[in-house]
């Protein structure tokens, strides 16, 4: 039997290889683009054989999924911190949407190759995207509950209100929508859309 210490060592080594593969893949995806990068390219960058990469990931799609999962986890962490700030519920929602918008513009749109990765993930409707959306809705619902308890927002179903708030502000968080609206002059501004959505929670 393998001891617990040995199993931990094996798992640590496996995780190190997984991290190395994801780091290399993300670097190449950012530089060359997702569609132009192959598993062979990733293996070559790491000085290993493609077969060795396939020991940890079944396909390039699976690698891409894992990278998107890491990106979404970073976005969730930022949202979690914002939604737990010791400020009013309204201000937390303002900061949350502003933060998501800035992250979308700076991380996903300023870097064209990153944008490509995200669009591919959205088009494939991966479970990691849906899980992230559910997690964000849960955070917003908790903020809305705090707002109701504090008398900021009217009594309502916080889960329904969270989904509606997300739908009302999706233009500021969805990469494709943000990209399409950036140069438009006949669309609501970031602040106008945020304030409109928050007012809806107060009525």
N, C-alpha and C. Protein backbone atom coordinates (compact mmCIF):
# COMPACT_ATOMS: atom_id res chain seq x y z
N UNK A 1 0.83 -1.21 0.00
CA UNK A 1 0.00 0.00 0.00
C UNK A 1 0.87 1.26 0.00
N UNK A 2 0.38 2.29 -0.67
CA UNK A 2 1.10 3.56 -0.71
C UNK A 2 0.73 4.37 0.52
N UNK A 3 1.71 4.88 1.19
CA UNK A 3 1.45 5.68 2.39
C UNK A 3 0.80 7.00 2.03
N UNK A 4 0.18 7.64 3.03
CA UNK A 4 -0.44 8.94 2.80
C UNK A 4 0.58 9.96 2.34
N UNK A 5 1.79 9.90 2.92
CA UNK A 5 2.84 10.85 2.54
C UNK A 5 3.22 10.67 1.08
N UNK A 6 3.31 9.40 0.64
CA UNK A 6 3.66 9.13 -0.75
C UNK A 6 2.56 9.60 -1.69
N UNK A 7 1.31 9.36 -1.30
CA UNK A 7 0.18 9.80 -2.12
C UNK A 7 0.17 11.33 -2.24
N UNK A 8 0.46 12.00 -1.14
CA UNK A 8 0.51 13.47 -1.16
C UNK A 8 1.62 13.96 -2.08
N UNK A 9 2.75 13.27 -2.06
CA UNK A 9 3.87 13.64 -2.93
C UNK A 9 3.51 13.46 -4.40
N UNK A 10 2.85 12.33 -4.69
CA UNK A 10 2.43 12.05 -6.07
C UNK A 10 1.43 13.09 -6.55
N UNK A 11 0.47 13.42 -5.68
CA UNK A 11 -0.55 14.40 -6.04
C UNK A 11 0.06 15.79 -6.23
N UNK A 12 1.04 16.13 -5.38
CA UNK A 12 1.70 17.43 -5.50
C UNK A 12 2.46 17.51 -6.83
N UNK A 13 3.11 16.42 -7.21
CA UNK A 13 3.86 16.39 -8.47
C UNK A 13 2.90 16.49 -9.66
N UNK A 14 1.75 15.80 -9.54
CA UNK A 14 0.75 15.86 -10.60
C UNK A 14 0.22 17.29 -10.75
N UNK A 15 -0.09 17.93 -9.63
CA UNK A 15 -0.62 19.27 -9.66
C UNK A 15 0.40 20.25 -10.23
N UNK A 16 1.66 20.02 -9.93
CA UNK A 16 2.72 20.89 -10.46
C UNK A 16 2.77 20.78 -11.98
N UNK A 17 2.63 19.55 -12.50
CA UNK A 17 2.63 19.36 -13.96
C UNK A 17 1.41 20.00 -14.60
N UNK A 18 0.25 19.85 -13.94
CA UNK A 18 -0.98 20.46 -14.45
C UNK A 18 -0.82 21.98 -14.53
N UNK A 19 -0.27 22.57 -13.46
CA UNK A 19 -0.07 24.02 -13.43
C UNK A 19 0.90 24.46 -14.52
N UNK A 20 1.99 23.71 -14.71
CA UNK A 20 2.97 24.04 -15.75
C UNK A 20 2.33 24.00 -17.13
N UNK A 21 1.50 22.99 -17.38
CA UNK A 21 0.84 22.86 -18.68
C UNK A 21 -0.13 24.02 -18.90
N UNK A 22 -0.92 24.34 -17.88
CA UNK A 22 -1.89 25.44 -18.01
C UNK A 22 -1.19 26.78 -18.19
N UNK A 23 -0.10 26.99 -17.45
CA UNK A 23 0.65 28.25 -17.59
C UNK A 23 1.21 28.40 -19.00
N UNK A 24 1.79 27.31 -19.52
CA UNK A 24 2.37 27.35 -20.87
C UNK A 24 1.28 27.55 -21.91
N UNK A 25 0.16 26.81 -21.75
CA UNK A 25 -0.93 26.92 -22.71
C UNK A 25 -1.51 28.33 -22.73
N UNK A 26 -1.72 28.89 -21.53
CA UNK A 26 -2.29 30.24 -21.46
C UNK A 26 -1.34 31.26 -22.10
N UNK A 27 -0.05 31.10 -21.85
CA UNK A 27 0.95 32.00 -22.45
C UNK A 27 0.90 31.92 -23.98
N UNK A 28 0.81 30.71 -24.53
CA UNK A 28 0.76 30.53 -25.98
C UNK A 28 -0.57 30.99 -26.56
N UNK A 29 -1.67 30.71 -25.84
CA UNK A 29 -2.99 31.17 -26.31
C UNK A 29 -3.01 32.70 -26.38
N UNK A 30 -2.42 33.34 -25.37
CA UNK A 30 -2.39 34.81 -25.34
C UNK A 30 -1.53 35.37 -26.48
N UNK A 31 -0.46 34.67 -26.80
CA UNK A 31 0.48 35.18 -27.81
C UNK A 31 0.03 34.86 -29.24
N UNK A 32 -0.34 33.60 -29.48
CA UNK A 32 -0.67 33.17 -30.84
C UNK A 32 -2.17 33.06 -31.10
N UNK A 33 -2.95 32.97 -30.04
CA UNK A 33 -4.39 32.75 -30.20
C UNK A 33 -4.73 31.30 -29.95
N UNK A 34 -5.95 31.07 -29.50
CA UNK A 34 -6.38 29.71 -29.17
C UNK A 34 -6.38 28.82 -30.40
N UNK A 35 -6.97 29.30 -31.48
CA UNK A 35 -7.13 28.46 -32.68
C UNK A 35 -5.81 28.08 -33.32
N UNK A 36 -4.78 28.91 -33.16
CA UNK A 36 -3.49 28.64 -33.81
C UNK A 36 -2.52 27.84 -32.94
N UNK A 37 -2.90 27.58 -31.71
CA UNK A 37 -2.03 26.84 -30.80
C UNK A 37 -2.47 25.38 -30.72
N UNK A 38 -1.52 24.46 -30.84
CA UNK A 38 -1.83 23.03 -30.77
C UNK A 38 -1.25 22.43 -29.49
N UNK A 39 -1.68 21.22 -29.18
CA UNK A 39 -1.12 20.52 -28.01
C UNK A 39 0.37 20.28 -28.24
N UNK A 40 0.75 20.03 -29.48
CA UNK A 40 2.17 19.84 -29.80
C UNK A 40 2.97 21.10 -29.49
N UNK A 41 2.39 22.27 -29.76
CA UNK A 41 3.06 23.54 -29.44
C UNK A 41 3.26 23.67 -27.93
N UNK A 42 2.24 23.30 -27.18
CA UNK A 42 2.32 23.39 -25.72
C UNK A 42 3.39 22.45 -25.20
N UNK A 43 3.40 21.22 -25.73
CA UNK A 43 4.40 20.23 -25.31
C UNK A 43 5.81 20.72 -25.65
N UNK A 44 5.97 21.26 -26.84
CA UNK A 44 7.29 21.75 -27.27
C UNK A 44 7.77 22.87 -26.35
N UNK A 45 6.87 23.75 -25.98
CA UNK A 45 7.22 24.86 -25.09
C UNK A 45 7.71 24.36 -23.74
N UNK A 46 7.16 23.23 -23.31
CA UNK A 46 7.51 22.65 -22.01
C UNK A 46 8.67 21.67 -22.09
N UNK A 47 9.11 21.36 -23.31
CA UNK A 47 10.20 20.40 -23.48
C UNK A 47 9.76 18.98 -23.18
N UNK A 48 8.49 18.68 -23.47
CA UNK A 48 7.99 17.32 -23.25
C UNK A 48 7.24 16.84 -24.48
N UNK A 49 6.86 15.59 -24.49
CA UNK A 49 6.14 15.04 -25.64
C UNK A 49 4.65 15.32 -25.51
N UNK A 50 3.93 15.39 -26.66
CA UNK A 50 2.48 15.57 -26.60
C UNK A 50 1.81 14.48 -25.76
N UNK A 51 2.35 13.25 -25.82
CA UNK A 51 1.78 12.14 -25.05
C UNK A 51 1.80 12.44 -23.56
N UNK A 52 2.84 13.16 -23.13
CA UNK A 52 2.94 13.50 -21.71
C UNK A 52 1.86 14.51 -21.32
N UNK A 53 1.57 15.45 -22.22
CA UNK A 53 0.50 16.42 -21.96
C UNK A 53 -0.84 15.70 -21.87
N UNK A 54 -1.02 14.72 -22.77
CA UNK A 54 -2.29 13.98 -22.79
C UNK A 54 -2.47 13.10 -21.55
N UNK A 55 -1.43 12.88 -20.79
CA UNK A 55 -1.56 12.16 -19.53
C UNK A 55 -2.40 12.96 -18.52
N UNK A 56 -2.38 14.28 -18.70
CA UNK A 56 -3.07 15.16 -17.74
C UNK A 56 -4.34 15.78 -18.32
N UNK A 57 -4.37 15.96 -19.63
CA UNK A 57 -5.55 16.55 -20.28
C UNK A 57 -5.87 15.74 -21.54
N UNK A 58 -7.13 15.41 -21.71
CA UNK A 58 -7.54 14.57 -22.83
C UNK A 58 -7.48 15.29 -24.17
N UNK A 59 -7.55 16.62 -24.14
CA UNK A 59 -7.59 17.39 -25.40
C UNK A 59 -7.24 18.85 -25.16
N UNK A 60 -7.06 19.58 -26.24
CA UNK A 60 -6.82 21.02 -26.13
C UNK A 60 -8.06 21.71 -25.55
N UNK A 61 -9.22 21.19 -25.89
CA UNK A 61 -10.48 21.75 -25.35
C UNK A 61 -10.48 21.67 -23.82
N UNK A 62 -10.03 20.54 -23.29
CA UNK A 62 -9.99 20.36 -21.84
C UNK A 62 -9.00 21.32 -21.19
N UNK A 63 -7.88 21.56 -21.87
CA UNK A 63 -6.90 22.53 -21.37
C UNK A 63 -7.52 23.92 -21.35
N UNK A 64 -8.20 24.26 -22.42
CA UNK A 64 -8.86 25.56 -22.54
C UNK A 64 -9.90 25.74 -21.44
N UNK A 65 -10.65 24.67 -21.19
CA UNK A 65 -11.66 24.69 -20.14
C UNK A 65 -11.03 25.03 -18.79
N UNK A 66 -9.92 24.39 -18.51
CA UNK A 66 -9.25 24.58 -17.22
C UNK A 66 -8.71 26.01 -17.10
N UNK A 67 -8.20 26.56 -18.19
CA UNK A 67 -7.69 27.94 -18.18
C UNK A 67 -8.84 28.91 -17.94
N UNK A 68 -9.95 28.70 -18.62
CA UNK A 68 -11.12 29.57 -18.42
C UNK A 68 -11.61 29.47 -16.99
N UNK A 69 -11.53 28.26 -16.44
CA UNK A 69 -11.93 28.07 -15.05
C UNK A 69 -11.08 28.90 -14.12
N UNK A 70 -9.78 28.97 -14.40
CA UNK A 70 -8.88 29.79 -13.56
C UNK A 70 -9.21 31.27 -13.71
N UNK A 71 -9.48 31.71 -14.93
CA UNK A 71 -9.81 33.12 -15.16
C UNK A 71 -11.11 33.49 -14.45
N UNK A 72 -12.09 32.60 -14.54
CA UNK A 72 -13.37 32.87 -13.89
C UNK A 72 -13.23 32.86 -12.38
N UNK A 73 -12.35 31.99 -11.87
CA UNK A 73 -12.13 31.93 -10.42
C UNK A 73 -11.55 33.25 -9.92
N UNK A 74 -10.66 33.84 -10.71
CA UNK A 74 -10.08 35.13 -10.33
C UNK A 74 -11.16 36.21 -10.33
N UNK A 75 -12.05 36.15 -11.33
CA UNK A 75 -13.15 37.11 -11.39
C UNK A 75 -14.11 36.93 -10.23
N UNK A 76 -14.36 35.68 -9.86
CA UNK A 76 -15.25 35.41 -8.73
C UNK A 76 -14.64 35.92 -7.43
N UNK A 77 -13.35 35.72 -7.26
CA UNK A 77 -12.69 36.17 -6.04
C UNK A 77 -12.82 37.68 -5.87
N UNK A 78 -12.63 38.41 -6.98
CA UNK A 78 -12.78 39.86 -6.94
C UNK A 78 -14.22 40.24 -6.59
N UNK A 79 -15.18 39.53 -7.19
CA UNK A 79 -16.60 39.81 -6.92
C UNK A 79 -16.94 39.48 -5.47
N UNK A 80 -16.41 38.39 -4.97
CA UNK A 80 -16.68 37.97 -3.58
C UNK A 80 -16.19 39.03 -2.60
N UNK A 81 -14.98 39.54 -2.84
CA UNK A 81 -14.42 40.56 -1.95
C UNK A 81 -15.26 41.83 -1.99
N UNK A 82 -15.68 42.22 -3.19
CA UNK A 82 -16.49 43.43 -3.33
C UNK A 82 -17.84 43.28 -2.64
N UNK A 83 -18.46 42.12 -2.82
CA UNK A 83 -19.80 41.90 -2.25
C UNK A 83 -19.79 41.74 -0.74
N UNK A 84 -18.62 41.67 -0.13
CA UNK A 84 -18.54 41.54 1.33
C UNK A 84 -17.87 42.76 1.98
N UNK A 85 -17.78 43.85 1.23
CA UNK A 85 -17.23 45.08 1.80
C UNK A 85 -18.20 45.65 2.84
N UNK A 86 -17.69 46.33 3.86
CA UNK A 86 -18.55 46.91 4.90
C UNK A 86 -19.16 48.24 4.48
N UNK A 87 -19.87 48.22 3.36
CA UNK A 87 -20.53 49.43 2.84
C UNK A 87 -21.96 49.06 2.49
N UNK A 88 -22.75 50.04 2.07
CA UNK A 88 -24.15 49.77 1.78
C UNK A 88 -24.30 48.76 0.64
N UNK A 89 -25.45 48.11 0.60
CA UNK A 89 -25.72 47.13 -0.45
C UNK A 89 -25.67 47.80 -1.83
N UNK A 90 -26.21 49.00 -1.92
CA UNK A 90 -26.21 49.71 -3.21
C UNK A 90 -24.78 49.98 -3.68
N UNK A 91 -23.94 50.43 -2.76
CA UNK A 91 -22.55 50.71 -3.13
C UNK A 91 -21.79 49.44 -3.49
N UNK A 92 -22.12 48.34 -2.83
CA UNK A 92 -21.48 47.07 -3.18
C UNK A 92 -21.86 46.66 -4.60
N UNK A 93 -23.13 46.84 -4.95
CA UNK A 93 -23.57 46.49 -6.30
C UNK A 93 -22.90 47.40 -7.33
N UNK A 94 -22.78 48.69 -7.00
CA UNK A 94 -22.11 49.61 -7.92
C UNK A 94 -20.66 49.17 -8.16
N UNK A 95 -19.96 48.89 -7.07
CA UNK A 95 -18.56 48.49 -7.19
C UNK A 95 -18.41 47.15 -7.92
N UNK A 96 -19.35 46.25 -7.65
CA UNK A 96 -19.31 44.94 -8.31
C UNK A 96 -19.40 45.10 -9.83
N UNK A 97 -20.41 45.83 -10.29
CA UNK A 97 -20.61 45.96 -11.74
C UNK A 97 -19.45 46.73 -12.37
N UNK A 98 -19.01 47.81 -11.72
CA UNK A 98 -17.87 48.57 -12.24
C UNK A 98 -16.64 47.66 -12.35
N UNK A 99 -16.43 46.84 -11.33
CA UNK A 99 -15.27 45.94 -11.33
C UNK A 99 -15.34 44.92 -12.44
N UNK A 100 -16.53 44.33 -12.65
CA UNK A 100 -16.70 43.35 -13.71
C UNK A 100 -16.50 44.00 -15.08
N UNK A 101 -17.01 45.23 -15.21
CA UNK A 101 -16.86 45.94 -16.49
C UNK A 101 -15.39 46.24 -16.78
N UNK A 102 -14.68 46.73 -15.78
CA UNK A 102 -13.26 47.04 -15.97
C UNK A 102 -12.47 45.79 -16.30
N UNK A 103 -12.77 44.69 -15.63
CA UNK A 103 -12.06 43.44 -15.90
C UNK A 103 -12.33 42.98 -17.33
N UNK A 104 -13.56 43.12 -17.77
CA UNK A 104 -13.90 42.71 -19.13
C UNK A 104 -13.16 43.56 -20.16
N UNK A 105 -13.15 44.87 -19.95
CA UNK A 105 -12.48 45.77 -20.89
C UNK A 105 -10.97 45.57 -20.89
N UNK A 106 -10.38 45.54 -19.71
CA UNK A 106 -8.91 45.51 -19.61
C UNK A 106 -8.32 44.12 -19.88
N UNK A 107 -8.96 43.09 -19.37
CA UNK A 107 -8.39 41.75 -19.50
C UNK A 107 -8.83 41.04 -20.75
N UNK A 108 -10.09 41.20 -21.11
CA UNK A 108 -10.63 40.41 -22.21
C UNK A 108 -10.65 41.13 -23.55
N UNK A 109 -10.76 42.44 -23.53
CA UNK A 109 -10.86 43.15 -24.80
C UNK A 109 -9.53 43.78 -25.21
N UNK A 110 -8.76 44.31 -24.25
CA UNK A 110 -7.48 44.91 -24.59
C UNK A 110 -6.51 43.87 -25.11
N UNK A 111 -6.70 42.62 -24.67
CA UNK A 111 -5.86 41.54 -25.14
C UNK A 111 -6.69 40.66 -26.07
N UNK A 112 -6.54 40.88 -27.37
CA UNK A 112 -7.41 40.25 -28.36
C UNK A 112 -7.42 38.73 -28.26
N UNK A 113 -6.26 38.13 -28.00
CA UNK A 113 -6.18 36.67 -27.95
C UNK A 113 -6.92 36.11 -26.74
N UNK A 114 -6.92 36.87 -25.64
CA UNK A 114 -7.68 36.44 -24.45
C UNK A 114 -9.16 36.49 -24.77
N UNK A 115 -9.56 37.54 -25.48
CA UNK A 115 -10.96 37.69 -25.89
C UNK A 115 -11.40 36.48 -26.70
N UNK A 116 -10.53 36.02 -27.59
CA UNK A 116 -10.85 34.85 -28.41
C UNK A 116 -11.10 33.63 -27.54
N UNK A 117 -10.27 33.43 -26.52
CA UNK A 117 -10.44 32.29 -25.61
C UNK A 117 -11.81 32.33 -24.93
N UNK A 118 -12.18 33.52 -24.47
CA UNK A 118 -13.44 33.67 -23.75
C UNK A 118 -14.63 33.44 -24.67
N UNK A 119 -14.55 33.99 -25.89
CA UNK A 119 -15.65 33.82 -26.85
C UNK A 119 -15.85 32.36 -27.20
N UNK A 120 -14.76 31.64 -27.41
CA UNK A 120 -14.87 30.21 -27.71
C UNK A 120 -15.57 29.49 -26.57
N UNK A 121 -15.22 29.83 -25.34
CA UNK A 121 -15.83 29.20 -24.17
C UNK A 121 -17.32 29.49 -24.10
N UNK A 122 -17.70 30.75 -24.33
CA UNK A 122 -19.10 31.15 -24.28
C UNK A 122 -19.91 30.43 -25.36
N UNK A 123 -19.33 30.35 -26.57
CA UNK A 123 -20.04 29.72 -27.68
C UNK A 123 -20.25 28.23 -27.44
N UNK A 124 -19.32 27.62 -26.69
CA UNK A 124 -19.47 26.19 -26.39
C UNK A 124 -20.37 25.97 -25.18
N UNK A 125 -20.72 27.05 -24.49
CA UNK A 125 -21.64 26.99 -23.35
C UNK A 125 -21.18 25.96 -22.33
N UNK A 126 -19.90 26.03 -21.98
CA UNK A 126 -19.33 25.07 -21.05
C UNK A 126 -19.95 25.18 -19.67
N UNK A 127 -19.92 24.08 -18.95
CA UNK A 127 -20.49 24.07 -17.60
C UNK A 127 -19.74 25.02 -16.67
N UNK A 128 -18.44 25.29 -16.97
CA UNK A 128 -17.70 26.21 -16.10
C UNK A 128 -18.28 27.62 -16.18
N UNK A 129 -18.78 27.99 -17.35
CA UNK A 129 -19.40 29.31 -17.51
C UNK A 129 -20.70 29.36 -16.73
N UNK A 130 -21.52 28.32 -16.86
CA UNK A 130 -22.81 28.28 -16.17
C UNK A 130 -22.61 28.26 -14.65
N UNK A 131 -21.62 27.50 -14.20
CA UNK A 131 -21.34 27.42 -12.76
C UNK A 131 -20.91 28.79 -12.24
N UNK A 132 -20.11 29.51 -13.03
CA UNK A 132 -19.66 30.84 -12.64
C UNK A 132 -20.85 31.80 -12.53
N UNK A 133 -21.74 31.75 -13.52
CA UNK A 133 -22.92 32.62 -13.50
C UNK A 133 -23.77 32.35 -12.27
N UNK A 134 -23.96 31.07 -11.95
CA UNK A 134 -24.74 30.71 -10.76
C UNK A 134 -24.08 31.25 -9.49
N UNK A 135 -22.75 31.17 -9.43
CA UNK A 135 -22.02 31.65 -8.24
C UNK A 135 -22.15 33.16 -8.10
N UNK A 136 -22.08 33.87 -9.22
CA UNK A 136 -22.21 35.33 -9.19
C UNK A 136 -23.64 35.72 -8.77
N UNK A 137 -24.62 35.01 -9.30
CA UNK A 137 -26.01 35.29 -8.92
C UNK A 137 -26.21 35.10 -7.42
N UNK A 138 -25.57 34.07 -6.86
CA UNK A 138 -25.69 33.82 -5.42
C UNK A 138 -25.09 34.96 -4.62
N UNK A 139 -23.95 35.50 -5.07
CA UNK A 139 -23.33 36.64 -4.38
C UNK A 139 -24.24 37.85 -4.41
N UNK A 140 -24.78 38.15 -5.57
CA UNK A 140 -25.65 39.32 -5.72
C UNK A 140 -26.91 39.15 -4.87
N UNK A 141 -27.45 37.93 -4.85
CA UNK A 141 -28.65 37.68 -4.06
C UNK A 141 -28.40 37.96 -2.58
N UNK A 142 -27.23 37.59 -2.09
CA UNK A 142 -26.89 37.87 -0.69
C UNK A 142 -26.81 39.36 -0.42
N UNK A 143 -26.25 40.11 -1.37
CA UNK A 143 -26.17 41.57 -1.21
C UNK A 143 -27.58 42.16 -1.20
N UNK A 144 -28.42 41.67 -2.08
CA UNK A 144 -29.80 42.17 -2.14
C UNK A 144 -30.53 41.86 -0.83
N UNK A 145 -30.30 40.67 -0.28
CA UNK A 145 -30.92 40.33 1.02
C UNK A 145 -30.47 41.31 2.10
N UNK A 146 -29.17 41.64 2.09
CA UNK A 146 -28.66 42.62 3.05
C UNK A 146 -29.36 43.96 2.85
N UNK A 147 -29.55 44.34 1.59
CA UNK A 147 -30.21 45.60 1.29
C UNK A 147 -31.65 45.62 1.74
N UNK A 148 -32.33 44.49 1.60
CA UNK A 148 -33.73 44.39 2.07
C UNK A 148 -33.78 44.51 3.58
N UNK A 149 -32.86 43.80 4.25
CA UNK A 149 -32.83 43.82 5.72
C UNK A 149 -32.52 45.22 6.25
N UNK A 150 -31.72 45.97 5.50
CA UNK A 150 -31.33 47.31 5.94
C UNK A 150 -32.35 48.37 5.53
N UNK A 151 -33.36 47.97 4.77
CA UNK A 151 -34.38 48.92 4.34
C UNK A 151 -33.99 49.69 3.08
N UNK A 152 -32.88 49.31 2.45
CA UNK A 152 -32.46 49.97 1.20
C UNK A 152 -33.35 49.56 0.03
N UNK A 153 -33.68 48.26 0.00
CA UNK A 153 -34.48 47.71 -1.09
C UNK A 153 -35.82 47.22 -0.55
N UNK A 154 -36.82 47.20 -1.43
CA UNK A 154 -38.14 46.73 -1.02
C UNK A 154 -38.11 45.21 -0.84
N UNK A 155 -39.06 44.70 -0.09
CA UNK A 155 -39.19 43.25 0.12
C UNK A 155 -39.43 42.58 -1.22
N UNK A 156 -38.65 41.56 -1.52
CA UNK A 156 -38.78 40.85 -2.79
C UNK A 156 -38.01 39.55 -2.71
N UNK A 157 -38.19 38.70 -3.73
CA UNK A 157 -37.45 37.44 -3.81
C UNK A 157 -36.03 37.79 -4.27
N UNK A 158 -35.05 37.63 -3.38
CA UNK A 158 -33.68 38.04 -3.68
C UNK A 158 -33.06 37.24 -4.83
N UNK A 159 -33.42 35.98 -4.94
CA UNK A 159 -32.86 35.16 -6.02
C UNK A 159 -33.36 35.61 -7.39
N UNK A 160 -34.66 35.89 -7.46
CA UNK A 160 -35.23 36.40 -8.71
C UNK A 160 -34.64 37.78 -9.03
N UNK A 161 -34.56 38.63 -7.99
CA UNK A 161 -34.02 39.98 -8.19
C UNK A 161 -32.57 39.92 -8.66
N UNK A 162 -31.80 38.97 -8.14
CA UNK A 162 -30.40 38.81 -8.54
C UNK A 162 -30.29 38.46 -10.02
N UNK A 163 -31.12 37.52 -10.46
CA UNK A 163 -31.08 37.14 -11.88
C UNK A 163 -31.50 38.30 -12.77
N UNK A 164 -32.48 39.07 -12.32
CA UNK A 164 -32.93 40.23 -13.11
C UNK A 164 -31.85 41.31 -13.13
N UNK A 165 -31.19 41.53 -12.01
CA UNK A 165 -30.12 42.51 -11.94
C UNK A 165 -28.99 42.11 -12.89
N UNK A 166 -28.68 40.83 -12.90
CA UNK A 166 -27.63 40.34 -13.80
C UNK A 166 -28.01 40.53 -15.26
N UNK A 167 -29.28 40.25 -15.58
CA UNK A 167 -29.75 40.41 -16.96
C UNK A 167 -29.74 41.88 -17.37
N UNK A 168 -30.08 42.77 -16.42
CA UNK A 168 -30.14 44.20 -16.73
C UNK A 168 -28.76 44.80 -16.95
N UNK A 169 -27.74 44.20 -16.36
CA UNK A 169 -26.38 44.76 -16.48
C UNK A 169 -25.46 43.88 -17.31
N UNK A 170 -26.00 42.90 -18.02
CA UNK A 170 -25.15 41.97 -18.76
C UNK A 170 -24.34 42.66 -19.86
N UNK A 171 -24.86 43.78 -20.39
CA UNK A 171 -24.12 44.54 -21.40
C UNK A 171 -22.76 44.98 -20.88
N UNK A 172 -22.61 45.05 -19.56
CA UNK A 172 -21.37 45.54 -18.96
C UNK A 172 -20.44 44.40 -18.54
N UNK A 173 -20.89 43.17 -18.67
CA UNK A 173 -20.09 42.03 -18.20
C UNK A 173 -19.82 40.98 -19.27
N UNK A 174 -20.65 40.95 -20.30
CA UNK A 174 -20.51 39.94 -21.36
C UNK A 174 -19.51 40.46 -22.40
N UNK A 175 -18.40 39.75 -22.63
CA UNK A 175 -17.34 40.24 -23.53
C UNK A 175 -17.84 40.68 -24.90
N UNK A 176 -18.69 39.88 -25.53
CA UNK A 176 -19.16 40.24 -26.87
C UNK A 176 -20.02 41.50 -26.83
N UNK A 177 -20.88 41.61 -25.83
CA UNK A 177 -21.75 42.79 -25.73
C UNK A 177 -20.95 44.04 -25.40
N UNK A 178 -19.98 43.90 -24.50
CA UNK A 178 -19.13 45.04 -24.17
C UNK A 178 -18.38 45.50 -25.41
N UNK A 179 -17.84 44.57 -26.16
CA UNK A 179 -17.09 44.91 -27.37
C UNK A 179 -17.96 45.63 -28.38
N UNK A 180 -19.21 45.18 -28.53
CA UNK A 180 -20.12 45.79 -29.50
C UNK A 180 -20.58 47.18 -29.09
N UNK A 181 -20.67 47.42 -27.77
CA UNK A 181 -21.23 48.68 -27.28
C UNK A 181 -20.18 49.76 -27.02
N UNK A 182 -18.90 49.39 -26.96
CA UNK A 182 -17.86 50.36 -26.61
C UNK A 182 -17.88 51.60 -27.50
N UNK A 183 -18.06 51.41 -28.79
CA UNK A 183 -17.99 52.54 -29.72
C UNK A 183 -19.35 53.14 -30.06
N UNK A 184 -20.41 52.63 -29.43
CA UNK A 184 -21.75 53.13 -29.72
C UNK A 184 -22.06 54.35 -28.86
N UNK A 185 -22.64 55.36 -29.47
CA UNK A 185 -22.97 56.58 -28.73
C UNK A 185 -24.45 56.64 -28.35
N UNK A 186 -25.24 55.67 -28.85
CA UNK A 186 -26.69 55.69 -28.57
C UNK A 186 -27.08 54.63 -27.56
N UNK A 187 -26.13 54.22 -26.70
CA UNK A 187 -26.40 53.21 -25.67
C UNK A 187 -26.27 53.86 -24.28
N UNK A 188 -26.92 53.26 -23.31
CA UNK A 188 -26.82 53.78 -21.93
C UNK A 188 -25.38 53.68 -21.47
N UNK A 189 -24.94 54.68 -20.69
CA UNK A 189 -23.58 54.64 -20.16
C UNK A 189 -23.52 53.61 -19.02
N UNK A 190 -22.30 53.32 -18.59
CA UNK A 190 -22.10 52.37 -17.50
C UNK A 190 -22.86 52.81 -16.26
N UNK A 191 -22.67 54.07 -15.86
CA UNK A 191 -23.32 54.57 -14.64
C UNK A 191 -24.83 54.64 -14.79
N UNK A 192 -25.32 55.02 -15.96
CA UNK A 192 -26.77 55.10 -16.18
C UNK A 192 -27.41 53.72 -16.00
N UNK A 193 -26.76 52.70 -16.55
CA UNK A 193 -27.32 51.35 -16.47
C UNK A 193 -27.27 50.81 -15.05
N UNK A 194 -26.18 51.10 -14.35
CA UNK A 194 -26.06 50.65 -12.96
C UNK A 194 -27.12 51.31 -12.08
N UNK A 195 -27.25 52.63 -12.21
CA UNK A 195 -28.21 53.36 -11.37
C UNK A 195 -29.65 52.94 -11.68
N UNK A 196 -29.95 52.71 -12.94
CA UNK A 196 -31.29 52.25 -13.33
C UNK A 196 -31.59 50.91 -12.68
N UNK A 197 -30.61 50.01 -12.68
CA UNK A 197 -30.80 48.68 -12.11
C UNK A 197 -30.96 48.71 -10.62
N UNK A 198 -30.21 49.59 -9.96
CA UNK A 198 -30.31 49.69 -8.50
C UNK A 198 -31.65 50.33 -8.10
N UNK A 199 -32.11 51.33 -8.88
CA UNK A 199 -33.40 51.95 -8.57
C UNK A 199 -34.53 50.93 -8.66
N UNK A 200 -34.40 49.97 -9.57
CA UNK A 200 -35.44 48.96 -9.73
C UNK A 200 -35.57 48.11 -8.45
N UNK A 201 -34.50 47.96 -7.71
CA UNK A 201 -34.54 47.18 -6.46
C UNK A 201 -35.20 47.95 -5.33
N UNK A 202 -35.31 49.27 -5.50
CA UNK A 202 -35.86 50.11 -4.44
C UNK A 202 -37.35 50.37 -4.57
N UNK A 203 -37.93 49.90 -5.69
CA UNK A 203 -39.34 50.22 -5.93
C UNK A 203 -40.25 49.04 -5.60
